[in-house]
Amino acid sequence: MTPPCRVFPASQLPAEIQVNDGKRRKGGRIDLSACELLSMVQYDCQVSEPHLNDSPVKCWPVQRWFRRCQDRKETFLVETTMWEGKASLSDSGAGESALGDRRGGA
């Protein structure tokens, strides 16, 4: 089972990425806005009438944004969807962001 993800306001994201596993990142302060911006489209799909076998499925695109940053040791990805403040955000995010750290790039 994966460990729980800390939840915090999106406005705190630039400060949150300065720490990794409770320790300050090596290589100085990371400017989140200077990190490479990446995007991904996922789809939120709903079955119109689940009790019918041939019920239509409706899908809506959900745009997600990420930043690829580099500290002295490694690259890491951070989801920045709420922080970016893009107009295409899904209603599924309620103004909160979770820090996602994936080592070794994408």
Protein backbone atom coordinates (compact mmCIF):
# COMPACT_ATOMS: atom_id res chain seq x y z
CA MET A 1 0.00 0.00 0.00
CA THR A 2 1.35 3.42 -0.89
CA PRO A 3 1.95 5.91 1.90
CA PRO A 4 -0.65 8.66 2.25
CA CYS A 5 -0.10 11.86 0.28
CA ARG A 6 0.11 15.12 2.19
CA VAL A 7 -2.62 17.56 1.18
CA PHE A 8 -2.04 21.32 1.22
CA PRO A 9 -3.29 24.47 -0.53
CA ALA A 10 -1.97 24.91 -4.08
CA SER A 11 -0.49 28.27 -3.07
CA GLN A 12 2.02 26.40 -0.84
CA LEU A 13 3.34 24.22 -3.68
CA PRO A 14 6.51 26.31 -4.38
CA ALA A 15 7.52 25.97 -0.71
CA GLU A 16 6.57 22.27 -0.50
CA ILE A 17 8.88 21.22 -3.35
CA GLN A 18 11.90 22.60 -1.47
CA VAL A 19 11.74 19.50 0.78
CA ASN A 20 12.06 15.82 -0.15
CA ASP A 21 11.41 13.09 2.44
CA GLY A 22 11.60 15.66 5.24
CA LYS A 23 15.02 16.98 4.12
CA ARG A 24 15.83 20.18 2.26
CA ARG A 25 16.65 19.53 -1.41
CA LYS A 26 20.30 19.91 -2.40
CA GLY A 27 21.40 22.49 -4.93
CA GLY A 28 19.63 25.62 -3.70
CA ARG A 29 16.11 26.95 -3.99
CA ILE A 30 14.02 25.56 -6.87
CA ASP A 31 11.98 28.08 -8.87
CA LEU A 32 8.86 26.11 -9.76
CA SER A 33 7.87 28.51 -12.55
CA ALA A 34 11.26 27.91 -14.26
CA CYS A 35 10.76 24.12 -14.41
CA GLU A 36 9.67 22.52 -17.69
CA LEU A 37 5.88 22.57 -18.10
CA LEU A 38 4.24 19.30 -19.22
CA SER A 39 0.60 18.40 -19.76
CA MET A 40 -1.55 15.31 -19.98
CA VAL A 41 -5.19 14.85 -20.93
CA GLN A 42 -7.21 12.23 -19.09
CA TYR A 43 -10.90 11.52 -19.49
CA ASP A 44 -13.67 11.43 -16.89
CA CYS A 45 -16.32 9.04 -18.24
CA GLN A 46 -19.83 8.33 -17.00
CA VAL A 47 -22.25 5.61 -18.09
CA SER A 48 -25.55 7.40 -18.71
CA GLU A 49 -27.79 4.54 -17.55
CA PRO A 50 -25.69 1.83 -15.87
CA HIS A 51 -28.61 -0.59 -15.60
CA LEU A 52 -28.79 -0.85 -19.44
CA ASN A 53 -26.25 -3.00 -21.31
CA ASP A 54 -26.02 -0.65 -24.31
CA SER A 55 -26.13 2.62 -22.37
CA PRO A 56 -24.07 5.41 -23.92
CA VAL A 57 -20.85 6.46 -22.23
CA LYS A 58 -20.09 10.19 -22.06
CA CYS A 59 -16.52 11.37 -21.55
CA TRP A 60 -15.08 14.79 -20.75
CA PRO A 61 -11.40 15.76 -21.08
CA VAL A 62 -9.54 16.68 -17.91
CA GLN A 63 -6.33 18.65 -18.51
CA ARG A 64 -3.57 18.02 -15.95
CA TRP A 65 -0.35 20.02 -15.67
CA PHE A 66 3.04 18.99 -14.32
CA ARG A 67 6.47 20.57 -13.87
CA ARG A 68 9.72 18.65 -14.35
CA CYS A 69 12.30 20.12 -12.00
CA GLN A 70 15.94 19.34 -11.26
CA ASP A 71 17.76 19.49 -7.95
CA ARG A 72 21.44 18.66 -7.60
CA LYS A 73 20.79 14.89 -7.44
CA GLU A 74 17.84 14.11 -9.69
CA THR A 75 14.85 15.22 -11.71
CA PHE A 76 11.38 15.03 -10.21
CA LEU A 77 7.81 15.66 -11.40
CA VAL A 78 5.27 17.71 -9.52
CA GLU A 79 1.59 17.94 -10.44
CA THR A 80 0.80 21.65 -10.71
CA THR A 81 -2.75 21.56 -12.11
CA MET A 82 -4.31 23.72 -9.39
CA TRP A 83 -1.19 25.91 -9.05
CA GLU A 84 -1.15 26.75 -12.77
CA GLY A 85 -4.66 28.22 -12.48
CA LYS A 86 -5.56 27.21 -16.04
CA ALA A 87 -9.10 27.90 -17.29
CA SER A 88 -9.43 24.29 -18.45
CA LEU A 89 -9.30 22.82 -14.94
CA SER A 90 -11.73 20.09 -14.02
CA ASP A 91 -14.22 20.64 -11.21
CA SER A 92 -12.82 17.52 -9.55
CA GLY A 93 -10.01 19.48 -7.83
CA ALA A 94 -11.37 21.47 -4.92
CA GLY A 95 -8.51 23.96 -4.66
CA GLU A 96 -6.13 21.54 -3.01
CA SER A 97 -2.96 20.03 -4.42
CA ALA A 98 -0.98 16.97 -3.51
CA LEU A 99 2.75 16.80 -4.04
CA GLY A 100 3.65 13.96 -6.38
CA ASP A 101 7.34 13.16 -6.51
CA ARG A 102 8.51 10.70 -9.19
CA ARG A 103 12.21 10.18 -9.41
CA GLY A 104 14.22 9.75 -12.53
CA GLY A 105 12.13 11.86 -14.91
CA ALA A 106 9.18 10.83 -17.02
